[in-house]
Amino acid sequence: MNTRMRSAAALIVSTGTCLLAGASGSLVTATSVREWYPDIQKPWWTPPSAVFGPVWTVLYLLMGVSAWLIWRNAEGSARRTALLIFVTQLVLNGIWSFLFFGFRSPGWAALEIVLLWSSIVATVLVFARISRLAAGLLLPYLLWVSYAAALNVAIWNLNR
């Protein structure tokens, strides 16, 4: 396989992996969004439910491109370390969905989102050493998770 084909395949795998992670979280989210989430107290600044799907899809695509840039621009232990940190935040992202929507536990999700947010910051910092563009593509994700953390804590406070 030539370099161009290998790079294209890596891009597909990278974005596909991120979208698959998002899809796995949406499996537990779907039922709760219909049966539980509409009935809990939410702050006035909660976006409409229809916003979440498109926003997360764009964020997962940006995350995939970001990881692909690291795969393309780093080698050896630098690549492995950066991508391991990336995968860690991706797993934490999925765990948040299971805690908040699957277990319907905004309190536990609020604690976990601190770990998620910290791992995203770590990913941005490690990626920035390799590719500023890769790090920059994660900034909308970091901002959204910052907003989601505030929303999560507000929901927990309103419903405990």
C-alpha atoms as a PDB file:
ATOM      1  CA  MET A   1       0.000   0.000   0.000  1.00  0.00           C
ATOM      2  CA  ASN A   2       1.473   3.363  -0.961  1.00  0.00           C
ATOM      3  CA  THR A   3       1.889   6.213   1.504  1.00  0.00           C
ATOM      4  CA  ARG A   4      -1.122   8.138   0.241  1.00  0.00           C
ATOM      5  CA  MET A   5      -3.434   5.130   0.511  1.00  0.00           C
ATOM      6  CA  ARG A   6      -2.073   4.301   3.966  1.00  0.00           C
ATOM      7  CA  SER A   7      -2.697   7.863   5.119  1.00  0.00           C
ATOM      8  CA  ALA A   8      -6.250   7.843   3.745  1.00  0.00           C
ATOM      9  CA  ALA A   9      -6.929   4.511   5.461  1.00  0.00           C
ATOM     10  CA  ALA A  10      -5.569   5.908   8.742  1.00  0.00           C
ATOM     11  CA  LEU A  11      -7.856   8.939   8.421  1.00  0.00           C
ATOM     12  CA  ILE A  12     -10.875   6.690   7.889  1.00  0.00           C
ATOM     13  CA  VAL A  13      -9.928   4.503  10.865  1.00  0.00           C
ATOM     14  CA  SER A  14      -9.273   7.525  13.072  1.00  0.00           C
ATOM     15  CA  THR A  15     -12.526   9.333  12.324  1.00  0.00           C
ATOM     16  CA  GLY A  16     -14.459   6.071  12.279  1.00  0.00           C
ATOM     17  CA  THR A  17     -13.138   5.133  15.709  1.00  0.00           C
ATOM     18  CA  CYS A  18     -14.219   8.474  17.149  1.00  0.00           C
ATOM     19  CA  LEU A  19     -17.662   8.261  15.551  1.00  0.00           C
ATOM     20  CA  LEU A  20     -18.028   4.687  16.821  1.00  0.00           C
ATOM     21  CA  ALA A  21     -17.150   5.850  20.349  1.00  0.00           C
ATOM     22  CA  GLY A  22     -19.875   8.479  20.051  1.00  0.00           C
ATOM     23  CA  ALA A  23     -22.348   5.927  18.720  1.00  0.00           C
ATOM     24  CA  SER A  24     -21.672   3.588  21.633  1.00  0.00           C
ATOM     25  CA  GLY A  25     -22.509   6.391  24.058  1.00  0.00           C
ATOM     26  CA  SER A  26     -25.661   7.199  22.141  1.00  0.00           C
ATOM     27  CA  LEU A  27     -26.965   3.663  22.693  1.00  0.00           C
ATOM     28  CA  VAL A  28     -27.455   4.354  26.401  1.00  0.00           C
ATOM     29  CA  THR A  29     -28.425   7.954  25.756  1.00  0.00           C
ATOM     30  CA  ALA A  30     -31.388   7.239  23.464  1.00  0.00           C
ATOM     31  CA  THR A  31     -33.667   5.656  26.073  1.00  0.00           C
ATOM     32  CA  SER A  32     -32.857   8.188  28.792  1.00  0.00           C
ATOM     33  CA  VAL A  33     -33.367  11.123  26.444  1.00  0.00           C
ATOM     34  CA  ARG A  34     -36.916   9.900  25.848  1.00  0.00           C
ATOM     35  CA  GLU A  35     -37.842   8.583  29.307  1.00  0.00           C
ATOM     36  CA  TRP A  36     -35.786  10.432  31.929  1.00  0.00           C
ATOM     37  CA  TYR A  37     -34.061  13.549  30.636  1.00  0.00           C
ATOM     38  CA  PRO A  38     -37.232  15.464  29.614  1.00  0.00           C
ATOM     39  CA  ASP A  39     -38.625  15.181  33.164  1.00  0.00           C
ATOM     40  CA  ILE A  40     -35.599  16.327  35.176  1.00  0.00           C
ATOM     41  CA  GLN A  41     -34.966  19.944  36.132  1.00  0.00           C
ATOM     42  CA  LYS A  42     -32.534  21.752  33.833  1.00  0.00           C
ATOM     43  CA  PRO A  43     -31.137  25.287  33.890  1.00  0.00           C
ATOM     44  CA  TRP A  44     -32.623  27.839  31.498  1.00  0.00           C
ATOM     45  CA  TRP A  45     -29.432  27.816  29.411  1.00  0.00           C
ATOM     46  CA  THR A  46     -29.776  24.133  28.463  1.00  0.00           C
ATOM     47  CA  PRO A  47     -29.702  23.808  24.674  1.00  0.00           C
ATOM     48  CA  PRO A  48     -32.524  22.002  22.870  1.00  0.00           C
ATOM     49  CA  SER A  49     -31.949  18.244  22.661  1.00  0.00           C
ATOM     50  CA  ALA A  50     -31.720  18.470  18.867  1.00  0.00           C
ATOM     51  CA  VAL A  51     -28.440  20.423  19.180  1.00  0.00           C
ATOM     52  CA  PHE A  52     -26.468  17.649  20.860  1.00  0.00           C
ATOM     53  CA  GLY A  53     -26.315  15.127  17.988  1.00  0.00           C
ATOM     54  CA  PRO A  54     -24.980  17.493  15.319  1.00  0.00           C
ATOM     55  CA  VAL A  55     -22.526  19.150  17.720  1.00  0.00           C
ATOM     56  CA  TRP A  56     -21.117  15.822  18.894  1.00  0.00           C
ATOM     57  CA  THR A  57     -20.852  14.522  15.326  1.00  0.00           C
ATOM     58  CA  VAL A  58     -18.739  17.514  14.312  1.00  0.00           C
ATOM     59  CA  LEU A  59     -16.636  17.204  17.472  1.00  0.00           C
ATOM     60  CA  TYR A  60     -15.979  13.486  16.883  1.00  0.00           C
ATOM     61  CA  LEU A  61     -14.941  14.232  13.291  1.00  0.00           C
ATOM     62  CA  LEU A  62     -12.558  16.965  14.492  1.00  0.00           C
ATOM     63  CA  MET A  63     -11.163  14.575  17.093  1.00  0.00           C
ATOM     64  CA  GLY A  64     -10.573  11.934  14.439  1.00  0.00           C
ATOM     65  CA  VAL A  65      -8.757  14.344  12.139  1.00  0.00           C
ATOM     66  CA  SER A  66      -6.706  15.569  15.086  1.00  0.00           C
ATOM     67  CA  ALA A  67      -5.609  12.046  16.019  1.00  0.00           C
ATOM     68  CA  TRP A  68      -4.829  11.316  12.365  1.00  0.00           C
ATOM     69  CA  LEU A  69      -2.564  14.379  12.223  1.00  0.00           C
ATOM     70  CA  ILE A  70      -0.654  13.029  15.211  1.00  0.00           C
ATOM     71  CA  TRP A  71      -0.385   9.603  13.597  1.00  0.00           C
ATOM     72  CA  ARG A  72       0.935  11.289  10.452  1.00  0.00           C
ATOM     73  CA  ASN A  73       3.343  13.750  12.102  1.00  0.00           C
ATOM     74  CA  ALA A  74       4.869  11.762  14.958  1.00  0.00           C
ATOM     75  CA  GLU A  75       6.801   8.550  15.266  1.00  0.00           C
ATOM     76  CA  GLY A  76       7.820   6.047  17.890  1.00  0.00           C
ATOM     77  CA  SER A  77       7.178   6.764  21.550  1.00  0.00           C
ATOM     78  CA  ALA A  78       5.949  10.324  20.894  1.00  0.00           C
ATOM     79  CA  ARG A  79       3.177   8.956  18.676  1.00  0.00           C
ATOM     80  CA  ARG A  80       2.304   6.107  21.054  1.00  0.00           C
ATOM     81  CA  THR A  81       2.173   8.384  24.090  1.00  0.00           C
ATOM     82  CA  ALA A  82       0.068  11.043  22.373  1.00  0.00           C
ATOM     83  CA  LEU A  83      -2.392   8.522  20.973  1.00  0.00           C
ATOM     84  CA  LEU A  84      -2.619   6.658  24.296  1.00  0.00           C
ATOM     85  CA  ILE A  85      -3.601   9.902  26.021  1.00  0.00           C
ATOM     86  CA  PHE A  86      -6.085  10.543  23.204  1.00  0.00           C
ATOM     87  CA  VAL A  87      -7.647   7.090  23.587  1.00  0.00           C
ATOM     88  CA  THR A  88      -7.867   7.638  27.352  1.00  0.00           C
ATOM     89  CA  GLN A  89      -9.960  10.777  26.897  1.00  0.00           C
ATOM     90  CA  LEU A  90     -12.088   9.011  24.291  1.00  0.00           C
ATOM     91  CA  VAL A  91     -12.845   6.197  26.754  1.00  0.00           C
ATOM     92  CA  LEU A  92     -13.636   8.737  29.488  1.00  0.00           C
ATOM     93  CA  ASN A  93     -15.960  10.475  27.040  1.00  0.00           C
ATOM     94  CA  GLY A  94     -17.919   7.241  26.632  1.00  0.00           C
ATOM     95  CA  ILE A  95     -17.968   6.546  30.360  1.00  0.00           C
ATOM     96  CA  TRP A  96     -19.581   9.936  30.970  1.00  0.00           C
ATOM     97  CA  SER A  97     -22.538   8.975  28.752  1.00  0.00           C
ATOM     98  CA  PHE A  98     -22.986   5.722  30.650  1.00  0.00           C
ATOM     99  CA  LEU A  99     -22.883   7.505  34.017  1.00  0.00           C
ATOM    100  CA  PHE A 100     -25.154  10.430  33.136  1.00  0.00           C
ATOM    101  CA  PHE A 101     -27.669   8.746  30.841  1.00  0.00           C
ATOM    102  CA  GLY A 102     -27.198   5.013  31.365  1.00  0.00           C
ATOM    103  CA  PHE A 103     -27.138   5.098  35.174  1.00  0.00           C
ATOM    104  CA  ARG A 104     -29.040   8.405  35.300  1.00  0.00           C
ATOM    105  CA  SER A 105     -26.490   9.697  37.771  1.00  0.00           C
ATOM    106  CA  PRO A 106     -25.611  13.372  37.219  1.00  0.00           C
ATOM    107  CA  GLY A 107     -23.593  13.337  40.451  1.00  0.00           C
ATOM    108  CA  TRP A 108     -21.220  10.579  39.390  1.00  0.00           C
ATOM    109  CA  ALA A 109     -21.097  12.039  35.887  1.00  0.00           C
ATOM    110  CA  ALA A 110     -20.086  15.424  37.366  1.00  0.00           C
ATOM    111  CA  LEU A 111     -17.157  13.785  39.132  1.00  0.00           C
ATOM    112  CA  GLU A 112     -16.156  11.861  36.019  1.00  0.00           C
ATOM    113  CA  ILE A 113     -16.354  14.906  33.742  1.00  0.00           C
ATOM    114  CA  VAL A 114     -13.532  16.470  35.766  1.00  0.00           C
ATOM    115  CA  LEU A 115     -11.353  13.520  34.725  1.00  0.00           C
ATOM    116  CA  LEU A 116     -12.578  13.828  31.146  1.00  0.00           C
ATOM    117  CA  TRP A 117     -11.866  17.571  31.035  1.00  0.00           C
ATOM    118  CA  SER A 118      -8.392  17.043  32.515  1.00  0.00           C
ATOM    119  CA  SER A 119      -7.607  14.325  29.998  1.00  0.00           C
ATOM    120  CA  ILE A 120      -8.693  16.572  27.129  1.00  0.00           C
ATOM    121  CA  VAL A 121      -6.379  19.322  28.411  1.00  0.00           C
ATOM    122  CA  ALA A 122      -3.551  16.768  28.630  1.00  0.00           C
ATOM    123  CA  THR A 123      -4.297  15.629  25.078  1.00  0.00           C
ATOM    124  CA  VAL A 124      -4.255  19.206  23.767  1.00  0.00           C
ATOM    125  CA  LEU A 125      -0.922  19.897  25.485  1.00  0.00           C
ATOM    126  CA  VAL A 126       0.724  16.711  24.213  1.00  0.00           C
ATOM    127  CA  PHE A 127      -0.694  17.178  20.712  1.00  0.00           C
ATOM    128  CA  ALA A 128       0.536  20.798  20.611  1.00  0.00           C
ATOM    129  CA  ARG A 129       4.132  19.566  20.880  1.00  0.00           C
ATOM    130  CA  ILE A 130       3.620  17.564  17.700  1.00  0.00           C
ATOM    131  CA  SER A 131       1.073  19.561  15.704  1.00  0.00           C
ATOM    132  CA  ARG A 132      -0.485  22.878  16.601  1.00  0.00           C
ATOM    133  CA  LEU A 133      -3.252  22.172  14.109  1.00  0.00           C
ATOM    134  CA  ALA A 134      -4.064  18.845  15.802  1.00  0.00           C
ATOM    135  CA  ALA A 135      -4.207  20.596  19.174  1.00  0.00           C
ATOM    136  CA  GLY A 136      -6.312  23.424  17.742  1.00  0.00           C
ATOM    137  CA  LEU A 137      -8.861  20.979  16.315  1.00  0.00           C
ATOM    138  CA  LEU A 138      -9.514  19.775  19.887  1.00  0.00           C
ATOM    139  CA  LEU A 139     -10.269  23.238  21.280  1.00  0.00           C
ATOM    140  CA  PRO A 140     -13.971  23.220  20.268  1.00  0.00           C
ATOM    141  CA  TYR A 141     -14.249  19.860  22.045  1.00  0.00           C
ATOM    142  CA  LEU A 142     -12.600  21.276  25.169  1.00  0.00           C
ATOM    143  CA  LEU A 143     -14.951  24.261  25.115  1.00  0.00           C
ATOM    144  CA  TRP A 144     -18.020  22.061  24.639  1.00  0.00           C
ATOM    145  CA  VAL A 145     -17.001  19.741  27.470  1.00  0.00           C
ATOM    146  CA  SER A 146     -16.404  22.802  29.672  1.00  0.00           C
ATOM    147  CA  TYR A 147     -19.963  23.905  28.909  1.00  0.00           C
ATOM    148  CA  ALA A 148     -21.230  20.340  29.398  1.00  0.00           C
ATOM    149  CA  ALA A 149     -19.485  20.182  32.779  1.00  0.00           C
ATOM    150  CA  ALA A 150     -21.240  23.350  33.925  1.00  0.00           C
ATOM    151  CA  LEU A 151     -24.545  21.993  32.620  1.00  0.00           C
ATOM    152  CA  ASN A 152     -23.945  18.635  34.313  1.00  0.00           C
ATOM    153  CA  VAL A 153     -23.237  20.274  37.682  1.00  0.00           C
ATOM    154  CA  ALA A 154     -26.291  22.537  37.343  1.00  0.00           C
ATOM    155  CA  ILE A 155     -28.520  19.562  36.557  1.00  0.00           C
ATOM    156  CA  TRP A 156     -27.098  17.638  39.500  1.00  0.00           C
ATOM    157  CA  ASN A 157     -27.746  20.603  41.822  1.00  0.00           C
ATOM    158  CA  LEU A 158     -31.309  21.039  40.572  1.00  0.00           C
ATOM    159  CA  ASN A 159     -32.200  17.361  40.958  1.00  0.00           C
ATOM    160  CA  ARG A 160     -30.591  16.108  44.164  1.00  0.00           C
END
